[in-house]
Amino acid sequence: MYTLFVDMVFKAQHQLSFENGVTEPLHEHDWKVCVAVSSEQLNKDALVIDFKELKCMTESILQGFRRQRLESLPILKNSNVSAETLARTLHDQLVPKLPHPVRLDFIEITEAPGCRARYTP
């Protein structure tokens, strides 16, 4: 099994609301994204997927999130946008873009140093 990782960063705002009625102030993060993909076989170029291609696919999703208030985006409108929900959303957006037989292993989101969430299907 071959596994590739790409790391990217985007800046965006969010505001969590909690069940007890408390709402955080609107604040911004430099969200760090780690994408892990794998395949048991290499393509004709001896790659799982070209790093540039994977970064381009990921960037095509992230560009819609950059410098936005995440809760205001249609794709996240009914979500309490946490690192966890963001990881799942990015996963669901990236999977259809990947060529067969490349598999998306996980998306990891770092919200702040030492604070990260991973979504693994």
PDB file of N, CA and C in Angstrom:
ATOM      1  N   MET A   1       0.852  -1.180   0.000  1.00  0.00           N
ATOM      2  CA  MET A   1       0.000   0.000   0.000  1.00  0.00           C
ATOM      3  C   MET A   1       0.892   1.235   0.000  1.00  0.00           C
ATOM      4  N   TYR A   2       0.582   2.169  -0.874  1.00  0.00           N
ATOM      5  CA  TYR A   2       1.290   3.442  -0.956  1.00  0.00           C
ATOM      6  C   TYR A   2       0.385   4.531  -0.389  1.00  0.00           C
ATOM      7  N   THR A   3       0.966   5.429   0.389  1.00  0.00           N
ATOM      8  CA  THR A   3       0.187   6.523   0.969  1.00  0.00           C
ATOM      9  C   THR A   3       0.894   7.847   0.713  1.00  0.00           C
ATOM     10  N   LEU A   4       0.124   8.841   0.279  1.00  0.00           N
ATOM     11  CA  LEU A   4       0.632  10.193   0.061  1.00  0.00           C
ATOM     12  C   LEU A   4      -0.077  11.151   1.002  1.00  0.00           C
ATOM     13  N   PHE A   5       0.629  12.196   1.373  1.00  0.00           N
ATOM     14  CA  PHE A   5       0.067  13.241   2.223  1.00  0.00           C
ATOM     15  C   PHE A   5       0.339  14.593   1.577  1.00  0.00           C
ATOM     16  N   VAL A   6      -0.650  15.459   1.563  1.00  0.00           N
ATOM     17  CA  VAL A   6      -0.419  16.859   1.203  1.00  0.00           C
ATOM     18  C   VAL A   6      -0.972  17.720   2.327  1.00  0.00           C
ATOM     19  N   ASP A   7      -0.254  18.789   2.605  1.00  0.00           N
ATOM     20  CA  ASP A   7      -0.638  19.727   3.657  1.00  0.00           C
ATOM     21  C   ASP A   7      -0.903  21.086   3.030  1.00  0.00           C
ATOM     22  N   MET A   8      -1.999  21.695   3.432  1.00  0.00           N
ATOM     23  CA  MET A   8      -2.370  23.005   2.919  1.00  0.00           C
ATOM     24  C   MET A   8      -2.930  23.835   4.067  1.00  0.00           C
ATOM     25  N   VAL A   9      -3.015  25.140   3.852  1.00  0.00           N
ATOM     26  CA  VAL A   9      -3.506  26.054   4.888  1.00  0.00           C
ATOM     27  C   VAL A   9      -4.484  27.035   4.252  1.00  0.00           C
ATOM     28  N   PHE A  10      -5.538  27.355   4.986  1.00  0.00           N
ATOM     29  CA  PHE A  10      -6.422  28.434   4.555  1.00  0.00           C
ATOM     30  C   PHE A  10      -6.896  29.197   5.786  1.00  0.00           C
ATOM     31  N   LYS A  11      -7.167  30.468   5.579  1.00  0.00           N
ATOM     32  CA  LYS A  11      -7.623  31.348   6.657  1.00  0.00           C
ATOM     33  C   LYS A  11      -9.127  31.529   6.508  1.00  0.00           C
ATOM     34  N   ALA A  12      -9.870  31.330   7.602  1.00  0.00           N
ATOM     35  CA  ALA A  12     -11.323  31.516   7.587  1.00  0.00           C
ATOM     36  C   ALA A  12     -11.817  31.727   9.014  1.00  0.00           C
ATOM     37  N   GLN A  13     -13.032  32.248   9.112  1.00  0.00           N
ATOM     38  CA  GLN A  13     -13.659  32.516  10.405  1.00  0.00           C
ATOM     39  C   GLN A  13     -14.734  31.479  10.703  1.00  0.00           C
ATOM     40  N   HIS A  14     -14.977  31.301  11.992  1.00  0.00           N
ATOM     41  CA  HIS A  14     -16.128  30.498  12.413  1.00  0.00           C
ATOM     42  C   HIS A  14     -16.575  30.949  13.796  1.00  0.00           C
ATOM     43  N   GLN A  15     -17.741  30.458  14.187  1.00  0.00           N
ATOM     44  CA  GLN A  15     -18.328  30.830  15.474  1.00  0.00           C
ATOM     45  C   GLN A  15     -19.148  29.641  15.967  1.00  0.00           C
ATOM     46  N   LEU A  16     -18.594  28.905  16.898  1.00  0.00           N
ATOM     47  CA  LEU A  16     -19.296  27.738  17.433  1.00  0.00           C
ATOM     48  C   LEU A  16     -20.419  28.145  18.380  1.00  0.00           C
ATOM     49  N   SER A  17     -21.506  27.396  18.310  1.00  0.00           N
ATOM     50  CA  SER A  17     -22.620  27.543  19.253  1.00  0.00           C
ATOM     51  C   SER A  17     -22.747  26.235  20.012  1.00  0.00           C
ATOM     52  N   PHE A  18     -22.958  26.333  21.310  1.00  0.00           N
ATOM     53  CA  PHE A  18     -23.014  25.141  22.143  1.00  0.00           C
ATOM     54  C   PHE A  18     -24.436  24.873  22.611  1.00  0.00           C
ATOM     55  N   GLU A  19     -24.691  23.625  22.976  1.00  0.00           N
ATOM     56  CA  GLU A  19     -26.019  23.185  23.399  1.00  0.00           C
ATOM     57  C   GLU A  19     -26.539  23.977  24.596  1.00  0.00           C
ATOM     58  N   ASN A  20     -25.625  24.444  25.449  1.00  0.00           N
ATOM     59  CA  ASN A  20     -26.039  25.192  26.645  1.00  0.00           C
ATOM     60  C   ASN A  20     -26.377  26.656  26.348  1.00  0.00           C
ATOM     61  N   GLY A  21     -26.389  27.027  25.050  1.00  0.00           N
ATOM     62  CA  GLY A  21     -26.752  28.382  24.658  1.00  0.00           C
ATOM     63  C   GLY A  21     -25.587  29.337  24.506  1.00  0.00           C
ATOM     64  N   VAL A  22     -24.399  28.927  24.886  1.00  0.00           N
ATOM     65  CA  VAL A  22     -23.211  29.770  24.760  1.00  0.00           C
ATOM     66  C   VAL A  22     -22.755  29.777  23.298  1.00  0.00           C
ATOM     67  N   THR A  23     -22.411  30.957  22.808  1.00  0.00           N
ATOM     68  CA  THR A  23     -21.866  31.103  21.457  1.00  0.00           C
ATOM     69  C   THR A  23     -20.512  31.782  21.566  1.00  0.00           C
ATOM     70  N   GLU A  24     -19.516  31.198  20.917  1.00  0.00           N
ATOM     71  CA  GLU A  24     -18.188  31.813  20.901  1.00  0.00           C
ATOM     72  C   GLU A  24     -18.237  33.112  20.106  1.00  0.00           C
ATOM     73  N   PRO A  25     -17.340  34.037  20.411  1.00  0.00           N
ATOM     74  CA  PRO A  25     -17.198  35.195  19.529  1.00  0.00           C
ATOM     75  C   PRO A  25     -16.701  34.724  18.154  1.00  0.00           C
ATOM     76  N   LEU A  26     -17.087  35.436  17.120  1.00  0.00           N
ATOM     77  CA  LEU A  26     -16.576  35.148  15.782  1.00  0.00           C
ATOM     78  C   LEU A  26     -15.061  35.310  15.814  1.00  0.00           C
ATOM     79  N   HIS A  27     -14.345  34.327  15.305  1.00  0.00           N
ATOM     80  CA  HIS A  27     -12.890  34.394  15.309  1.00  0.00           C
ATOM     81  C   HIS A  27     -12.321  33.671  14.092  1.00  0.00           C
ATOM     82  N   GLU A  28     -11.058  33.938  13.824  1.00  0.00           N
ATOM     83  CA  GLU A  28     -10.407  33.431  12.620  1.00  0.00           C
ATOM     84  C   GLU A  28      -9.304  32.445  12.982  1.00  0.00           C
ATOM     85  N   HIS A  29      -9.107  31.479  12.108  1.00  0.00           N
ATOM     86  CA  HIS A  29      -8.011  30.520  12.248  1.00  0.00           C
ATOM     87  C   HIS A  29      -7.246  30.424  10.943  1.00  0.00           C
ATOM     88  N   ASP A  30      -6.008  30.017  11.052  1.00  0.00           N
ATOM     89  CA  ASP A  30      -5.260  29.498   9.914  1.00  0.00           C
ATOM     90  C   ASP A  30      -5.466  27.995   9.980  1.00  0.00           C
ATOM     91  N   TRP A  31      -6.496  27.511   9.302  1.00  0.00           N
ATOM     92  CA  TRP A  31      -6.838  26.088   9.326  1.00  0.00           C
ATOM     93  C   TRP A  31      -5.795  25.325   8.522  1.00  0.00           C
ATOM     94  N   LYS A  32      -5.220  24.308   9.117  1.00  0.00           N
ATOM     95  CA  LYS A  32      -4.259  23.453   8.413  1.00  0.00           C
ATOM     96  C   LYS A  32      -4.977  22.168   8.024  1.00  0.00           C
ATOM     97  N   VAL A  33      -4.805  21.778   6.781  1.00  0.00           N
ATOM     98  CA  VAL A  33      -5.478  20.604   6.240  1.00  0.00           C
ATOM     99  C   VAL A  33      -4.425  19.589   5.824  1.00  0.00           C
ATOM    100  N   CYS A  34      -4.572  18.366   6.282  1.00  0.00           N
ATOM    101  CA  CYS A  34      -3.730  17.255   5.828  1.00  0.00           C
ATOM    102  C   CYS A  34      -4.641  16.272   5.108  1.00  0.00           C
ATOM    103  N   VAL A  35      -4.306  15.992   3.859  1.00  0.00           N
ATOM    104  CA  VAL A  35      -5.051  15.030   3.050  1.00  0.00           C
ATOM    105  C   VAL A  35      -4.173  13.800   2.889  1.00  0.00           C
ATOM    106  N   ALA A  36      -4.714  12.629   3.200  1.00  0.00           N
ATOM    107  CA  ALA A  36      -3.984  11.366   3.033  1.00  0.00           C
ATOM    108  C   ALA A  36      -4.748  10.491   2.047  1.00  0.00           C
ATOM    109  N   VAL A  37      -4.061  10.097   0.979  1.00  0.00           N
ATOM    110  CA  VAL A  37      -4.654   9.202  -0.017  1.00  0.00           C
ATOM    111  C   VAL A  37      -3.756   7.986  -0.181  1.00  0.00           C
ATOM    112  N   SER A  38      -4.342   6.902  -0.657  1.00  0.00           N
ATOM    113  CA  SER A  38      -3.544   5.691  -0.836  1.00  0.00           C
ATOM    114  C   SER A  38      -4.029   4.887  -2.031  1.00  0.00           C
ATOM    115  N   SER A  39      -3.165   3.963  -2.427  1.00  0.00           N
ATOM    116  CA  SER A  39      -3.498   3.021  -3.489  1.00  0.00           C
ATOM    117  C   SER A  39      -2.580   1.814  -3.349  1.00  0.00           C
ATOM    118  N   GLU A  40      -3.099   0.668  -3.720  1.00  0.00           N
ATOM    119  CA  GLU A  40      -2.273  -0.541  -3.715  1.00  0.00           C
ATOM    120  C   GLU A  40      -1.411  -0.624  -4.959  1.00  0.00           C
ATOM    121  N   GLN A  41      -1.760   0.169  -5.961  1.00  0.00           N
ATOM    122  CA  GLN A  41      -0.994   0.135  -7.204  1.00  0.00           C
ATOM    123  C   GLN A  41      -0.629   1.541  -7.649  1.00  0.00           C
ATOM    124  N   LEU A  42       0.416   1.620  -8.425  1.00  0.00           N
ATOM    125  CA  LEU A  42       0.858   2.892  -8.977  1.00  0.00           C
ATOM    126  C   LEU A  42       0.294   3.053 -10.382  1.00  0.00           C
ATOM    127  N   ASN A  43       0.159   4.302 -10.815  1.00  0.00           N
ATOM    128  CA  ASN A  43      -0.331   4.546 -12.170  1.00  0.00           C
ATOM    129  C   ASN A  43       0.798   4.375 -13.190  1.00  0.00           C
ATOM    130  N   LYS A  44       0.533   4.709 -14.442  1.00  0.00           N
ATOM    131  CA  LYS A  44       1.524   4.530 -15.516  1.00  0.00           C
ATOM    132  C   LYS A  44       2.772   5.373 -15.309  1.00  0.00           C
ATOM    133  N   ASP A  45       2.655   6.417 -14.496  1.00  0.00           N
ATOM    134  CA  ASP A  45       3.801   7.279 -14.197  1.00  0.00           C
ATOM    135  C   ASP A  45       4.530   6.862 -12.922  1.00  0.00           C
ATOM    136  N   ALA A  46       4.167   5.705 -12.381  1.00  0.00           N
ATOM    137  CA  ALA A  46       4.748   5.180 -11.140  1.00  0.00           C
ATOM    138  C   ALA A  46       4.400   6.056  -9.936  1.00  0.00           C
ATOM    139  N   LEU A  47       3.182   6.604  -9.941  1.00  0.00           N
ATOM    140  CA  LEU A  47       2.688   7.455  -8.860  1.00  0.00           C
ATOM    141  C   LEU A  47       1.345   6.937  -8.370  1.00  0.00           C
ATOM    142  N   VAL A  48       1.025   7.234  -7.113  1.00  0.00           N
ATOM    143  CA  VAL A  48      -0.353   7.047  -6.649  1.00  0.00           C
ATOM    144  C   VAL A  48      -1.199   8.096  -7.362  1.00  0.00           C
ATOM    145  N   ILE A  49      -0.766   9.341  -7.247  1.00  0.00           N
ATOM    146  CA  ILE A  49      -1.333  10.501  -7.934  1.00  0.00           C
ATOM    147  C   ILE A  49      -0.260  11.578  -7.844  1.00  0.00           C
ATOM    148  N   ASP A  50      -0.179  12.419  -8.829  1.00  0.00           N
ATOM    149  CA  ASP A  50       0.800  13.500  -8.797  1.00  0.00           C
ATOM    150  C   ASP A  50       0.460  14.447  -7.635  1.00  0.00           C
ATOM    151  N   PHE A  51       1.467  14.810  -6.845  1.00  0.00           N
ATOM    152  CA  PHE A  51       1.238  15.729  -5.725  1.00  0.00           C
ATOM    153  C   PHE A  51       0.561  17.012  -6.203  1.00  0.00           C
ATOM    154  N   LYS A  52       1.024  17.540  -7.346  1.00  0.00           N
ATOM    155  CA  LYS A  52       0.435  18.781  -7.868  1.00  0.00           C
ATOM    156  C   LYS A  52      -1.045  18.601  -8.167  1.00  0.00           C
ATOM    157  N   GLU A  53      -1.410  17.467  -8.731  1.00  0.00           N
ATOM    158  CA  GLU A  53      -2.812  17.196  -9.056  1.00  0.00           C
ATOM    159  C   GLU A  53      -3.658  17.118  -7.784  1.00  0.00           C
ATOM    160  N   LEU A  54      -3.143  16.426  -6.761  1.00  0.00           N
ATOM    161  CA  LEU A  54      -3.875  16.312  -5.501  1.00  0.00           C
ATOM    162  C   LEU A  54      -4.020  17.677  -4.834  1.00  0.00           C
ATOM    163  N   LYS A  55      -2.952  18.475  -4.863  1.00  0.00           N
ATOM    164  CA  LYS A  55      -3.036  19.817  -4.285  1.00  0.00           C
ATOM    165  C   LYS A  55      -4.025  20.685  -5.055  1.00  0.00           C
ATOM    166  N   CYS A  56      -4.039  20.554  -6.374  1.00  0.00           N
ATOM    167  CA  CYS A  56      -4.964  21.326  -7.200  1.00  0.00           C
ATOM    168  C   CYS A  56      -6.413  20.944  -6.891  1.00  0.00           C
ATOM    169  N   MET A  57      -6.685  19.654  -6.754  1.00  0.00           N
ATOM    170  CA  MET A  57      -8.034  19.187  -6.402  1.00  0.00           C
ATOM    171  C   MET A  57      -8.457  19.741  -5.043  1.00  0.00           C
ATOM    172  N   THR A  58      -7.538  19.684  -4.092  1.00  0.00           N
ATOM    173  CA  THR A  58      -7.832  20.171  -2.744  1.00  0.00           C
ATOM    174  C   THR A  58      -8.036  21.683  -2.761  1.00  0.00           C
ATOM    175  N   GLU A  59      -7.174  22.385  -3.477  1.00  0.00           N
ATOM    176  CA  GLU A  59      -7.287  23.845  -3.569  1.00  0.00           C
ATOM    177  C   GLU A  59      -8.604  24.261  -4.209  1.00  0.00           C
ATOM    178  N   SER A  60      -9.089  23.489  -5.173  1.00  0.00           N
ATOM    179  CA  SER A  60     -10.359  23.837  -5.823  1.00  0.00           C
ATOM    180  C   SER A  60     -11.511  23.852  -4.815  1.00  0.00           C
ATOM    181  N   ILE A  61     -11.389  23.086  -3.762  1.00  0.00           N
ATOM    182  CA  ILE A  61     -12.387  23.086  -2.686  1.00  0.00           C
ATOM    183  C   ILE A  61     -12.087  24.211  -1.694  1.00  0.00           C
ATOM    184  N   LEU A  62     -10.828  24.309  -1.279  1.00  0.00           N
ATOM    185  CA  LEU A  62     -10.459  25.288  -0.253  1.00  0.00           C
ATOM    186  C   LEU A  62     -10.655  26.725  -0.703  1.00  0.00           C
ATOM    187  N   GLN A  63     -10.525  27.001  -1.993  1.00  0.00           N
ATOM    188  CA  GLN A  63     -10.660  28.391  -2.443  1.00  0.00           C
ATOM    189  C   GLN A  63     -12.041  28.955  -2.121  1.00  0.00           C
ATOM    190  N   GLY A  64     -13.044  28.102  -2.052  1.00  0.00           N
ATOM    191  CA  GLY A  64     -14.374  28.563  -1.664  1.00  0.00           C
ATOM    192  C   GLY A  64     -14.508  28.860  -0.179  1.00  0.00           C
ATOM    193  N   PHE A  65     -13.541  28.414   0.623  1.00  0.00           N
ATOM    194  CA  PHE A  65     -13.571  28.621   2.072  1.00  0.00           C
ATOM    195  C   PHE A  65     -12.685  29.787   2.513  1.00  0.00           C
ATOM    196  N   ARG A  66     -11.717  30.142   1.686  1.00  0.00           N
ATOM    197  CA  ARG A  66     -10.726  31.147   2.077  1.00  0.00           C
ATOM    198  C   ARG A  66     -11.363  32.491   2.406  1.00  0.00           C
ATOM    199  N   ARG A  67     -10.962  33.018   3.565  1.00  0.00           N
ATOM    200  CA  ARG A  67     -11.382  34.341   4.045  1.00  0.00           C
ATOM    201  C   ARG A  67     -12.900  34.482   4.159  1.00  0.00           C
ATOM    202  N   GLN A  68     -13.570  33.376   4.394  1.00  0.00           N
ATOM    203  CA  GLN A  68     -15.023  33.371   4.532  1.00  0.00           C
ATOM    204  C   GLN A  68     -15.416  33.106   5.982  1.00  0.00           C
ATOM    205  N   ARG A  69     -16.625  33.486   6.303  1.00  0.00           N
ATOM    206  CA  ARG A  69     -17.233  33.021   7.552  1.00  0.00           C
ATOM    207  C   ARG A  69     -17.850  31.676   7.193  1.00  0.00           C
ATOM    208  N   LEU A  70     -17.306  30.605   7.723  1.00  0.00           N
ATOM    209  CA  LEU A  70     -17.653  29.261   7.264  1.00  0.00           C
ATOM    210  C   LEU A  70     -19.133  28.944   7.407  1.00  0.00           C
ATOM    211  N   GLU A  71     -19.769  29.405   8.472  1.00  0.00           N
ATOM    212  CA  GLU A  71     -21.198  29.129   8.664  1.00  0.00           C
ATOM    213  C   GLU A  71     -22.069  29.778   7.591  1.00  0.00           C
ATOM    214  N   SER A  72     -21.550  30.764   6.893  1.00  0.00           N
ATOM    215  CA  SER A  72     -22.342  31.457   5.869  1.00  0.00           C
ATOM    216  C   SER A  72     -22.301  30.746   4.517  1.00  0.00           C
ATOM    217  N   LEU A  73     -21.443  29.758   4.368  1.00  0.00           N
ATOM    218  CA  LEU A  73     -21.342  29.037   3.096  1.00  0.00           C
ATOM    219  C   LEU A  73     -22.492  28.045   2.959  1.00  0.00           C
ATOM    220  N   PRO A  74     -23.111  27.962   1.781  1.00  0.00           N
ATOM    221  CA  PRO A  74     -24.239  27.036   1.605  1.00  0.00           C
ATOM    222  C   PRO A  74     -23.926  25.597   2.023  1.00  0.00           C
ATOM    223  N   ILE A  75     -22.733  25.121   1.727  1.00  0.00           N
ATOM    224  CA  ILE A  75     -22.383  23.734   2.051  1.00  0.00           C
ATOM    225  C   ILE A  75     -22.287  23.491   3.559  1.00  0.00           C
ATOM    226  N   LEU A  76     -22.076  24.555   4.336  1.00  0.00           N
ATOM    227  CA  LEU A  76     -21.923  24.434   5.789  1.00  0.00           C
ATOM    228  C   LEU A  76     -23.030  25.155   6.554  1.00  0.00           C
ATOM    229  N   LYS A  77     -24.016  25.659   5.848  1.00  0.00           N
ATOM    230  CA  LYS A  77     -25.032  26.537   6.438  1.00  0.00           C
ATOM    231  C   LYS A  77     -25.740  25.943   7.651  1.00  0.00           C
ATOM    232  N   ASN A  78     -26.051  24.677   7.632  1.00  0.00           N
ATOM    233  CA  ASN A  78     -26.782  24.062   8.746  1.00  0.00           C
ATOM    234  C   ASN A  78     -25.865  23.313   9.708  1.00  0.00           C
ATOM    235  N   SER A  79     -24.584  23.680   9.709  1.00  0.00           N
ATOM    236  CA  SER A  79     -23.610  22.996  10.563  1.00  0.00           C
ATOM    237  C   SER A  79     -23.099  23.917  11.654  1.00  0.00           C
ATOM    238  N   ASN A  80     -22.748  23.331  12.772  1.00  0.00           N
ATOM    239  CA  ASN A  80     -21.938  24.012  13.765  1.00  0.00           C
ATOM    240  C   ASN A  80     -20.510  23.716  13.316  1.00  0.00           C
ATOM    241  N   VAL A  81     -19.852  24.671  12.690  1.00  0.00           N
ATOM    242  CA  VAL A  81     -18.598  24.393  11.989  1.00  0.00           C
ATOM    243  C   VAL A  81     -17.449  24.226  12.978  1.00  0.00           C
ATOM    244  N   SER A  82     -17.176  22.980  13.281  1.00  0.00           N
ATOM    245  CA  SER A  82     -16.049  22.581  14.126  1.00  0.00           C
ATOM    246  C   SER A  82     -14.977  21.990  13.217  1.00  0.00           C
ATOM    247  N   ALA A  83     -13.822  21.708  13.773  1.00  0.00           N
ATOM    248  CA  ALA A  83     -12.785  21.020  12.999  1.00  0.00           C
ATOM    249  C   ALA A  83     -13.311  19.678  12.500  1.00  0.00           C
ATOM    250  N   GLU A  84     -14.132  19.029  13.314  1.00  0.00           N
ATOM    251  CA  GLU A  84     -14.690  17.725  12.940  1.00  0.00           C
ATOM    252  C   GLU A  84     -15.623  17.831  11.735  1.00  0.00           C
ATOM    253  N   THR A  85     -16.563  18.784  11.782  1.00  0.00           N
ATOM    254  CA  THR A  85     -17.504  18.905  10.660  1.00  0.00           C
ATOM    255  C   THR A  85     -16.801  19.405   9.404  1.00  0.00           C
ATOM    256  N   LEU A  86     -15.793  20.226   9.578  1.00  0.00           N
ATOM    257  CA  LEU A  86     -15.030  20.703   8.432  1.00  0.00           C
ATOM    258  C   LEU A  86     -14.260  19.554   7.778  1.00  0.00           C
ATOM    259  N   ALA A  87     -13.663  18.684   8.583  1.00  0.00           N
ATOM    260  CA  ALA A  87     -12.947  17.522   8.037  1.00  0.00           C
ATOM    261  C   ALA A  87     -13.891  16.636   7.227  1.00  0.00           C
ATOM    262  N   ARG A  88     -15.079  16.379   7.744  1.00  0.00           N
ATOM    263  CA  ARG A  88     -16.056  15.543   7.031  1.00  0.00           C
ATOM    264  C   ARG A  88     -16.507  16.210   5.732  1.00  0.00           C
ATOM    265  N   THR A  89     -16.748  17.507   5.779  1.00  0.00           N
ATOM    266  CA  THR A  89     -17.181  18.232   4.583  1.00  0.00           C
ATOM    267  C   THR A  89     -16.112  18.197   3.502  1.00  0.00           C
ATOM    268  N   LEU A  90     -14.861  18.439   3.877  1.00  0.00           N
ATOM    269  CA  LEU A  90     -13.773  18.387   2.896  1.00  0.00           C
ATOM    270  C   LEU A  90     -13.637  16.982   2.318  1.00  0.00           C
ATOM    271  N   HIS A  91     -13.751  15.972   3.160  1.00  0.00           N
ATOM    272  CA  HIS A  91     -13.710  14.585   2.693  1.00  0.00           C
ATOM    273  C   HIS A  91     -14.780  14.355   1.629  1.00  0.00           C
ATOM    274  N   ASP A  92     -16.011  14.732   1.944  1.00  0.00           N
ATOM    275  CA  ASP A  92     -17.130  14.478   1.040  1.00  0.00           C
ATOM    276  C   ASP A  92     -16.985  15.228  -0.284  1.00  0.00           C
ATOM    277  N   GLN A  93     -16.327  16.373  -0.265  1.00  0.00           N
ATOM    278  CA  GLN A  93     -16.101  17.140  -1.488  1.00  0.00           C
ATOM    279  C   GLN A  93     -14.946  16.587  -2.322  1.00  0.00           C
ATOM    280  N   LEU A  94     -13.942  16.019  -1.664  1.00  0.00           N
ATOM    281  CA  LEU A  94     -12.752  15.549  -2.379  1.00  0.00           C
ATOM    282  C   LEU A  94     -12.915  14.156  -2.981  1.00  0.00           C
ATOM    283  N   VAL A  95     -13.633  13.278  -2.315  1.00  0.00           N
ATOM    284  CA  VAL A  95     -13.772  11.890  -2.786  1.00  0.00           C
ATOM    285  C   VAL A  95     -14.173  11.798  -4.260  1.00  0.00           C
ATOM    286  N   PRO A  96     -15.194  12.531  -4.719  1.00  0.00           N
ATOM    287  CA  PRO A  96     -15.596  12.376  -6.123  1.00  0.00           C
ATOM    288  C   PRO A  96     -14.568  12.877  -7.133  1.00  0.00           C
ATOM    289  N   LYS A  97     -13.604  13.659  -6.694  1.00  0.00           N
ATOM    290  CA  LYS A  97     -12.586  14.197  -7.595  1.00  0.00           C
ATOM    291  C   LYS A  97     -11.429  13.224  -7.829  1.00  0.00           C
ATOM    292  N   LEU A  98     -11.274  12.239  -6.967  1.00  0.00           N
ATOM    293  CA  LEU A  98     -10.115  11.344  -7.039  1.00  0.00           C
ATOM    294  C   LEU A  98     -10.296  10.275  -8.112  1.00  0.00           C
ATOM    295  N   PRO A  99      -9.224  10.011  -8.871  1.00  0.00           N
ATOM    296  CA  PRO A  99      -9.306   8.955  -9.880  1.00  0.00           C
ATOM    297  C   PRO A  99      -9.244   7.575  -9.228  1.00  0.00           C
ATOM    298  N   HIS A 100      -9.890   6.632  -9.859  1.00  0.00           N
ATOM    299  CA  HIS A 100      -9.797   5.239  -9.405  1.00  0.00           C
ATOM    300  C   HIS A 100      -8.385   4.746  -9.701  1.00  0.00           C
ATOM    301  N   PRO A 101      -7.708   4.024  -8.874  1.00  0.00           N
ATOM    302  CA  PRO A 101      -8.102   3.388  -7.622  1.00  0.00           C
ATOM    303  C   PRO A 101      -7.650   4.150  -6.372  1.00  0.00           C
ATOM    304  N   VAL A 102      -7.418   5.454  -6.485  1.00  0.00           N
ATOM    305  CA  VAL A 102      -6.948   6.248  -5.345  1.00  0.00           C
ATOM    306  C   VAL A 102      -8.065   6.361  -4.308  1.00  0.00           C
ATOM    307  N   ARG A 103      -7.698   6.107  -3.063  1.00  0.00           N
ATOM    308  CA  ARG A 103      -8.651   6.130  -1.950  1.00  0.00           C
ATOM    309  C   ARG A 103      -8.279   7.254  -0.984  1.00  0.00           C
ATOM    310  N   LEU A 104      -9.281   7.991  -0.528  1.00  0.00           N
ATOM    311  CA  LEU A 104      -9.044   9.025   0.479  1.00  0.00           C
ATOM    312  C   LEU A 104      -9.068   8.371   1.852  1.00  0.00           C
ATOM    313  N   ASP A 105      -7.908   8.320   2.505  1.00  0.00           N
ATOM    314  CA  ASP A 105      -7.801   7.660   3.808  1.00  0.00           C
ATOM    315  C   ASP A 105      -8.342   8.523   4.936  1.00  0.00           C
ATOM    316  N   PHE A 106      -7.944   9.791   4.939  1.00  0.00           N
ATOM    317  CA  PHE A 106      -8.455  10.699   5.962  1.00  0.00           C
ATOM    318  C   PHE A 106      -8.187  12.140   5.585  1.00  0.00           C
ATOM    319  N   ILE A 107      -8.936  13.007   6.246  1.00  0.00           N
ATOM    320  CA  ILE A 107      -8.695  14.453   6.237  1.00  0.00           C
ATOM    321  C   ILE A 107      -8.461  14.834   7.687  1.00  0.00           C
ATOM    322  N   GLU A 108      -7.378  15.540   7.923  1.00  0.00           N
ATOM    323  CA  GLU A 108      -7.079  16.022   9.269  1.00  0.00           C
ATOM    324  C   GLU A 108      -7.063  17.543   9.236  1.00  0.00           C
ATOM    325  N   ILE A 109      -7.740  18.139  10.193  1.00  0.00           N
ATOM    326  CA  ILE A 109      -7.834  19.597  10.298  1.00  0.00           C
ATOM    327  C   ILE A 109      -7.189  20.027  11.608  1.00  0.00           C
ATOM    328  N   THR A 110      -6.222  20.927  11.513  1.00  0.00           N
ATOM    329  CA  THR A 110      -5.633  21.535  12.707  1.00  0.00           C
ATOM    330  C   THR A 110      -6.198  22.943  12.819  1.00  0.00           C
ATOM    331  N   GLU A 111      -6.885  23.176  13.918  1.00  0.00           N
ATOM    332  CA  GLU A 111      -7.533  24.468  14.160  1.00  0.00           C
ATOM    333  C   GLU A 111      -6.566  25.430  14.848  1.00  0.00           C
ATOM    334  N   ALA A 112      -5.770  24.905  15.743  1.00  0.00           N
ATOM    335  CA  ALA A 112      -4.790  25.684  16.496  1.00  0.00           C
ATOM    336  C   ALA A 112      -3.679  24.709  16.893  1.00  0.00           C
ATOM    337  N   PRO A 113      -2.500  25.205  17.242  1.00  0.00           N
ATOM    338  CA  PRO A 113      -1.423  24.288  17.609  1.00  0.00           C
ATOM    339  C   PRO A 113      -1.868  23.291  18.683  1.00  0.00           C
ATOM    340  N   GLY A 114      -1.669  22.026  18.399  1.00  0.00           N
ATOM    341  CA  GLY A 114      -2.027  20.970  19.336  1.00  0.00           C
ATOM    342  C   GLY A 114      -3.499  20.595  19.345  1.00  0.00           C
ATOM    343  N   CYS A 115      -4.306  21.200  18.463  1.00  0.00           N
ATOM    344  CA  CYS A 115      -5.755  20.946  18.422  1.00  0.00           C
ATOM    345  C   CYS A 115      -6.154  20.530  17.013  1.00  0.00           C
ATOM    346  N   ARG A 116      -6.354  19.235  16.813  1.00  0.00           N
ATOM    347  CA  ARG A 116      -6.693  18.769  15.473  1.00  0.00           C
ATOM    348  C   ARG A 116      -7.746  17.677  15.538  1.00  0.00           C
ATOM    349  N   ALA A 117      -8.441  17.533  14.420  1.00  0.00           N
ATOM    350  CA  ALA A 117      -9.477  16.511  14.282  1.00  0.00           C
ATOM    351  C   ALA A 117      -9.235  15.772  12.978  1.00  0.00           C
ATOM    352  N   ARG A 118      -9.569  14.507  12.979  1.00  0.00           N
ATOM    353  CA  ARG A 118      -9.389  13.675  11.789  1.00  0.00           C
ATOM    354  C   ARG A 118     -10.704  12.990  11.461  1.00  0.00           C
ATOM    355  N   TYR A 119     -11.062  13.021  10.168  1.00  0.00           N
ATOM    356  CA  TYR A 119     -12.205  12.237   9.701  1.00  0.00           C
ATOM    357  C   TYR A 119     -11.671  11.111   8.832  1.00  0.00           C
ATOM    358  N   THR A 120     -11.998   9.886   9.231  1.00  0.00           N
ATOM    359  CA  THR A 120     -11.641   8.681   8.488  1.00  0.00           C
ATOM    360  C   THR A 120     -12.941   7.958   8.157  1.00  0.00           C
ATOM    361  N   PRO A 121     -13.206   7.738   6.876  1.00  0.00           N
ATOM    362  CA  PRO A 121     -14.471   7.054   6.527  1.00  0.00           C
ATOM    363  C   PRO A 121     -14.481   5.605   6.976  1.00  0.00           C
TER     364      PRO A 121
END
